[in-house]
Amino acid sequence: MYENTQNLHRYDHPGAVAARDGMVVRALRGLSGALAAGLAVLTIVVVVVSHYAPERGLAGPGSASVFWHVTGGVVAVAAQIVADRSRGLLAFLWSVIVITTVGVVLFAQWWS
């Protein structure tokens, strides 16, 4: 069934990477993943609303808001992919980048 049974102990699949990290890194990676997914969904909502709002006579989000949501969403998802494929301190740092990016987009576009 397996051609190379000597390499079964290697960490070639994503689940094995998470199993080798400490609880703090795994928790932070999980939090940053949820935030990246949330920003991706929020970005889709902003883009759809900006497209349909003028047709309905509503102001809707402007092009700057759409730009920052799309840019932040791409950065957050890309950083999360790297965080999921990294281990240890590197995964921690990429997760912090995701959390910071989501925080900046939310603060700049929603709370200011």
Protein backbone atom coordinates (compact mmCIF):
# COMPACT_ATOMS: atom_id res chain seq x y z
CA MET A 1 0.00 0.00 0.00
CA TYR A 2 2.77 2.46 0.94
CA GLU A 3 5.82 2.44 -1.26
CA ASN A 4 8.09 4.20 1.18
CA THR A 5 7.17 3.23 4.74
CA GLN A 6 10.38 4.67 6.19
CA ASN A 7 9.17 8.23 5.57
CA LEU A 8 5.86 7.82 7.39
CA HIS A 9 7.28 9.55 10.46
CA ARG A 10 8.19 12.68 8.48
CA TYR A 11 6.13 15.83 8.87
CA ASP A 12 4.91 16.19 5.32
CA HIS A 13 1.25 16.87 5.99
CA PRO A 14 -0.26 20.03 7.55
CA GLY A 15 -1.69 18.25 10.60
CA ALA A 16 1.78 17.14 11.64
CA VAL A 17 3.08 20.70 11.62
CA ALA A 18 0.35 21.80 14.03
CA ALA A 19 1.03 18.84 16.30
CA ARG A 20 4.67 19.88 16.72
CA ASP A 21 3.90 23.46 17.78
CA GLY A 22 3.10 24.53 21.30
CA MET A 23 -0.38 25.34 22.53
CA VAL A 24 0.16 29.12 22.32
CA VAL A 25 1.24 28.99 18.68
CA ARG A 26 -1.64 26.69 17.75
CA ALA A 27 -4.15 28.91 19.55
CA LEU A 28 -2.79 32.06 17.94
CA ARG A 29 -2.80 30.38 14.53
CA GLY A 30 -6.43 29.37 15.08
CA LEU A 31 -7.42 32.89 16.14
CA SER A 32 -5.63 34.46 13.19
CA GLY A 33 -7.27 31.95 10.85
CA ALA A 34 -10.72 32.88 12.12
CA LEU A 35 -9.93 36.57 11.77
CA ALA A 36 -8.55 36.12 8.23
CA ALA A 37 -11.67 34.18 7.22
CA GLY A 38 -13.88 36.83 8.80
CA LEU A 39 -12.09 39.61 6.93
CA ALA A 40 -12.42 37.65 3.69
CA VAL A 41 -16.18 37.34 4.21
CA LEU A 42 -16.45 41.01 5.18
CA THR A 43 -14.51 41.96 2.04
CA ILE A 44 -16.96 40.01 -0.12
CA VAL A 45 -19.88 41.76 1.58
CA VAL A 46 -18.32 45.21 1.06
CA VAL A 47 -17.63 44.49 -2.61
CA VAL A 48 -21.17 43.20 -3.23
CA VAL A 49 -22.76 46.12 -1.38
CA SER A 50 -20.62 48.63 -3.27
CA HIS A 51 -21.78 47.07 -6.53
CA TYR A 52 -25.52 46.99 -5.76
CA ALA A 53 -25.92 50.10 -3.57
CA PRO A 54 -25.94 52.69 -6.40
CA GLU A 55 -28.60 50.70 -8.28
CA ARG A 56 -30.87 50.99 -5.24
CA GLY A 57 -30.20 54.66 -4.61
CA LEU A 58 -27.98 54.07 -1.57
CA ALA A 59 -24.59 55.62 -0.88
CA GLY A 60 -22.76 52.36 -0.10
CA PRO A 61 -19.05 52.07 0.62
CA GLY A 62 -16.72 54.12 -1.52
CA SER A 63 -13.94 52.88 -3.74
CA ALA A 64 -11.33 53.62 -1.03
CA SER A 65 -13.15 51.35 1.40
CA VAL A 66 -13.36 48.59 -1.19
CA PHE A 67 -9.65 48.99 -1.97
CA TRP A 68 -8.59 48.73 1.69
CA HIS A 69 -10.84 45.74 2.36
CA VAL A 70 -9.57 43.88 -0.69
CA THR A 71 -5.93 44.73 0.05
CA GLY A 72 -6.26 43.82 3.73
CA GLY A 73 -8.13 40.61 2.88
CA VAL A 74 -5.46 39.49 0.43
CA VAL A 75 -2.65 40.28 2.88
CA ALA A 76 -4.42 38.55 5.77
CA VAL A 77 -5.26 35.39 3.83
CA ALA A 78 -1.78 35.17 2.30
CA ALA A 79 -0.13 35.66 5.71
CA GLN A 80 -2.44 33.03 7.21
CA ILE A 81 -1.46 30.52 4.54
CA VAL A 82 2.20 31.11 5.37
CA ALA A 83 1.44 30.87 9.11
CA ASP A 84 -0.34 27.56 8.60
CA ARG A 85 2.68 26.19 6.75
CA SER A 86 5.22 27.48 9.28
CA ARG A 87 6.26 26.31 12.73
CA GLY A 88 7.29 27.92 15.98
CA LEU A 89 8.30 31.56 16.09
CA LEU A 90 7.77 32.03 12.36
CA ALA A 91 4.16 30.83 12.61
CA PHE A 92 3.69 33.11 15.61
CA LEU A 93 4.99 36.14 13.72
CA TRP A 94 2.85 35.48 10.64
CA SER A 95 -0.19 35.09 12.88
CA VAL A 96 0.59 38.44 14.47
CA ILE A 97 0.76 39.97 10.98
CA VAL A 98 -2.72 38.59 10.25
CA ILE A 99 -4.15 39.94 13.50
CA THR A 100 -2.52 43.33 12.95
CA THR A 101 -3.79 43.57 9.38
CA VAL A 102 -7.35 42.72 10.41
CA GLY A 103 -7.14 45.22 13.27
CA VAL A 104 -5.90 48.00 11.00
CA VAL A 105 -8.63 47.39 8.41
CA LEU A 106 -11.37 47.27 11.04
CA PHE A 107 -10.09 50.35 12.84
CA ALA A 108 -9.48 52.42 9.71
CA GLN A 109 -12.63 51.43 7.84
CA TRP A 110 -15.22 50.78 10.54
CA TRP A 111 -14.27 52.50 13.79
CA SER A 112 -12.74 55.78 12.68
